[in-house]
Amino acid sequence: MSSTSSKTEQTTEQREDLPETVIVGRVLRPHGIRGELVVEVLSDVPERLAPGSSLLMVREGRPAEPVRVAARRPHKSGALVRLEGVEDRVQAEGLRGAWLEVERSRVPPPAPGSYYHYQLLGCRCRSGGDELGVVVDLVEDGGGLLLIVSDGRRELPVPFVGRFLRGVDVAQGTIDLELPPGLVETCASGS
């Protein structure tokens, strides 16, 4: 989740391009011989991977399948998770690279002035009345969040900071910015 201290308005989600599910974790690899998985946790909600939690597992070329967390413990790379029905390393190996997701309806609303990454992806960006393109990626660069905005010809990294933001309307899929003169010409790159 990203937040900003700018004067932005939060509105009810109406966009049809928002995903039905939201990624909360990614299976990195098996751990040990008893079916545990090293999972990169991609959720701010700690109970997402708590024992008993229901998730959807998404793997390349397969329909999403419901899974239930049997156990979880901390790990330096995120969490060690055991799913019901996964009993050994061979089964766990087959889950490498799988995404763990929840239905978007189960995601709590963000705090005022905060946005989930999935809400920002696809938003049209404007600065001073000029169309910049749409958010195609988000990058955490250590100094904050960068929106990667593309118009099909070029990509522009835009810091998602209150100083540049004039308004975010998730329902309409728009982000209004006031970028410093020369930033677009200096930072844009061919895509």
Protein backbone atom coordinates (compact mmCIF):
# COMPACT_ATOMS: atom_id res chain seq x y z
CA MET A 1 0.00 0.00 0.00
CA SER A 2 1.21 3.49 -0.78
CA SER A 3 0.32 6.68 0.95
CA THR A 4 0.84 10.33 0.37
CA SER A 5 0.21 13.43 2.40
CA SER A 6 -1.23 15.43 -0.49
CA LYS A 7 -4.77 16.71 -0.63
CA THR A 8 -6.30 13.82 -2.56
CA GLU A 9 -9.80 12.46 -2.50
CA GLN A 10 -10.66 8.83 -1.94
CA THR A 11 -13.74 7.69 -3.83
CA THR A 12 -15.65 4.44 -4.07
CA GLU A 13 -14.18 2.03 -6.61
CA GLN A 14 -16.19 2.04 -9.85
CA ARG A 15 -13.57 1.14 -12.43
CA GLU A 16 -14.22 -2.01 -14.37
CA ASP A 17 -10.51 -2.58 -15.10
CA LEU A 18 -9.67 -3.37 -11.46
CA PRO A 19 -8.75 -7.01 -10.88
CA GLU A 20 -11.23 -9.36 -9.21
CA THR A 21 -8.42 -10.75 -7.05
CA VAL A 22 -5.45 -9.17 -5.31
CA ILE A 23 -2.04 -10.82 -4.90
CA VAL A 24 -1.04 -11.35 -1.25
CA GLY A 25 1.96 -13.66 -1.68
CA ARG A 26 4.23 -15.53 -4.05
CA VAL A 27 5.64 -19.01 -3.55
CA LEU A 28 9.41 -18.74 -3.91
CA ARG A 29 10.50 -22.34 -3.28
CA PRO A 30 10.00 -25.41 -1.10
CA HIS A 31 11.56 -25.54 2.36
CA GLY A 32 12.58 -28.84 3.94
CA ILE A 33 10.93 -32.18 3.23
CA ARG A 34 7.49 -31.78 4.88
CA GLY A 35 5.78 -29.59 2.27
CA GLU A 36 6.58 -26.14 3.66
CA LEU A 37 6.87 -23.25 1.22
CA VAL A 38 8.95 -20.09 1.40
CA VAL A 39 6.43 -17.35 0.59
CA GLU A 40 7.18 -13.72 -0.24
CA VAL A 41 4.46 -11.85 1.67
CA LEU A 42 2.89 -9.09 -0.45
CA SER A 43 0.16 -7.95 1.93
CA ASP A 44 0.00 -5.44 4.76
CA VAL A 45 -2.62 -7.61 6.49
CA PRO A 46 -0.76 -10.08 8.75
CA GLU A 47 -3.66 -12.52 9.06
CA ARG A 48 -3.75 -13.13 5.28
CA LEU A 49 -1.49 -16.16 5.71
CA ALA A 50 -2.66 -17.20 9.19
CA PRO A 51 -3.59 -20.85 9.75
CA GLY A 52 -7.13 -21.46 8.50
CA SER A 53 -7.01 -18.64 5.93
CA SER A 54 -8.58 -19.34 2.55
CA LEU A 55 -6.67 -18.19 -0.53
CA LEU A 56 -6.67 -18.72 -4.26
CA MET A 57 -3.57 -20.24 -5.82
CA VAL A 58 -2.82 -19.10 -9.36
CA ARG A 59 -0.32 -20.98 -11.51
CA GLU A 60 0.63 -20.44 -15.14
CA GLY A 61 -1.79 -22.16 -17.50
CA ARG A 62 -4.15 -23.39 -14.78
CA PRO A 63 -7.39 -22.05 -13.34
CA ALA A 64 -7.24 -20.54 -9.86
CA GLU A 65 -7.72 -23.15 -7.15
CA PRO A 66 -8.83 -22.61 -3.56
CA VAL A 67 -6.28 -23.49 -0.87
CA ARG A 68 -6.22 -23.26 2.92
CA VAL A 69 -3.24 -22.37 5.10
CA ALA A 70 -2.42 -25.17 7.56
CA ALA A 71 0.54 -23.48 9.28
CA ARG A 72 2.73 -20.40 9.11
CA ARG A 73 5.90 -19.25 10.79
CA PRO A 74 8.28 -16.33 10.18
CA HIS A 75 11.20 -16.67 7.80
CA LYS A 76 13.93 -14.26 6.74
CA SER A 77 12.48 -14.10 3.20
CA GLY A 78 8.88 -13.65 4.35
CA ALA A 79 7.06 -16.66 5.78
CA LEU A 80 7.20 -20.42 5.84
CA VAL A 81 3.73 -21.64 4.93
CA ARG A 82 2.26 -25.12 4.79
CA LEU A 83 -0.93 -25.55 2.78
CA GLU A 84 -3.50 -28.24 3.51
CA GLY A 85 -2.87 -31.25 1.28
CA VAL A 86 0.77 -30.41 0.57
CA GLU A 87 2.64 -33.05 2.54
CA ASP A 88 6.11 -33.38 1.01
CA ARG A 89 8.83 -31.62 -0.92
CA VAL A 90 7.76 -33.07 -4.28
CA GLN A 91 4.28 -31.56 -3.94
CA ALA A 92 5.76 -28.28 -2.69
CA GLU A 93 8.19 -28.11 -5.64
CA GLY A 94 5.22 -28.15 -8.02
CA LEU A 95 3.97 -24.91 -6.44
CA ARG A 96 7.15 -22.90 -7.08
CA GLY A 97 6.24 -19.54 -8.64
CA ALA A 98 2.53 -19.75 -7.76
CA TRP A 99 0.71 -16.59 -6.73
CA LEU A 100 -1.49 -16.50 -3.65
CA GLU A 101 -4.49 -14.21 -4.00
CA VAL A 102 -7.70 -13.11 -2.27
CA GLU A 103 -10.91 -11.72 -3.72
CA ARG A 104 -10.78 -7.92 -3.98
CA SER A 105 -13.99 -7.74 -1.94
CA ARG A 106 -12.00 -9.13 1.04
CA VAL A 107 -9.46 -6.28 0.92
CA PRO A 108 -10.22 -3.59 3.52
CA PRO A 109 -10.48 -0.01 2.28
CA PRO A 110 -7.16 1.82 2.48
CA ALA A 111 -6.69 4.59 5.01
CA PRO A 112 -7.50 8.09 3.75
CA GLY A 113 -4.69 9.34 1.51
CA SER A 114 -3.42 5.78 0.95
CA TYR A 115 -3.82 3.59 -2.12
CA TYR A 116 -3.24 -0.03 -2.97
CA HIS A 117 -0.90 -0.62 -5.89
CA TYR A 118 -3.65 -2.37 -7.87
CA GLN A 119 -5.75 0.82 -7.60
CA LEU A 120 -3.01 2.97 -9.17
CA LEU A 121 -2.17 0.62 -12.05
CA GLY A 122 -4.05 1.69 -15.17
CA CYS A 123 -4.78 5.24 -13.94
CA ARG A 124 -4.44 7.99 -16.56
CA CYS A 125 -1.97 10.69 -15.53
CA ARG A 126 -2.12 14.37 -16.43
CA SER A 127 0.11 17.29 -15.58
CA GLY A 128 -0.92 20.87 -16.26
CA GLY A 129 -3.62 19.66 -18.66
CA ASP A 130 -1.19 17.50 -20.68
CA GLU A 131 -1.86 13.77 -20.92
CA LEU A 132 1.22 11.82 -19.79
CA GLY A 133 -0.08 8.27 -20.26
CA VAL A 134 -1.18 5.48 -17.93
CA VAL A 135 0.48 3.87 -14.92
CA VAL A 136 1.94 0.59 -16.18
CA ASP A 137 4.13 -0.29 -13.20
CA LEU A 138 5.05 0.81 -9.69
CA VAL A 139 8.60 0.70 -8.34
CA GLU A 140 9.66 0.98 -4.70
CA ASP A 141 13.07 2.63 -5.04
CA GLY A 142 14.02 3.08 -1.39
CA GLY A 143 13.16 6.77 -1.55
CA GLY A 144 9.48 6.15 -2.09
CA LEU A 145 7.14 4.94 -4.77
CA LEU A 146 7.66 5.71 -8.45
CA LEU A 147 4.76 5.50 -10.89
CA ILE A 148 5.96 4.26 -14.28
CA VAL A 149 3.76 6.13 -16.75
CA SER A 150 3.67 5.14 -20.42
CA ASP A 151 2.02 6.73 -23.43
CA GLY A 152 3.10 3.90 -25.75
CA ARG A 153 6.14 5.81 -27.04
CA ARG A 154 7.96 6.61 -23.83
CA GLU A 155 8.05 5.74 -20.16
CA LEU A 156 8.24 8.34 -17.44
CA PRO A 157 9.09 7.61 -13.79
CA VAL A 158 7.01 9.94 -11.61
CA PRO A 159 7.58 10.18 -7.85
CA PHE A 160 4.29 9.48 -6.05
CA VAL A 161 4.73 12.30 -3.54
CA GLY A 162 2.37 14.93 -2.20
CA ARG A 163 4.47 17.75 -3.63
CA PHE A 164 3.58 16.66 -7.20
CA LEU A 165 0.05 15.33 -6.61
CA ARG A 166 -3.02 17.47 -7.10
CA GLY A 167 -5.60 14.69 -6.97
CA VAL A 168 -6.11 10.95 -7.18
CA ASP A 169 -9.51 9.63 -8.24
CA VAL A 170 -9.41 5.84 -8.07
CA ALA A 171 -13.04 5.53 -9.22
CA GLN A 172 -12.37 7.50 -12.39
CA GLY A 173 -8.86 6.10 -12.82
CA THR A 174 -7.11 9.48 -12.92
CA ILE A 175 -4.09 11.03 -11.26
CA ASP A 176 -3.63 14.79 -11.61
CA LEU A 177 -0.07 16.00 -11.14
CA GLU A 178 1.83 19.25 -11.17
CA LEU A 179 5.31 18.26 -12.30
CA PRO A 180 8.26 20.67 -12.25
CA PRO A 181 9.22 22.20 -15.60
CA GLY A 182 11.62 19.97 -17.53
CA LEU A 183 10.95 16.78 -15.56
CA VAL A 184 9.13 15.02 -18.42
CA GLU A 185 11.80 15.89 -21.00
CA THR A 186 14.65 14.98 -18.63
CA CYS A 187 13.31 11.71 -17.22
CA ALA A 188 11.26 10.17 -20.06
CA SER A 189 12.80 7.25 -21.91
CA GLY A 190 11.77 5.42 -25.08
CA SER A 191 9.83 2.25 -24.38
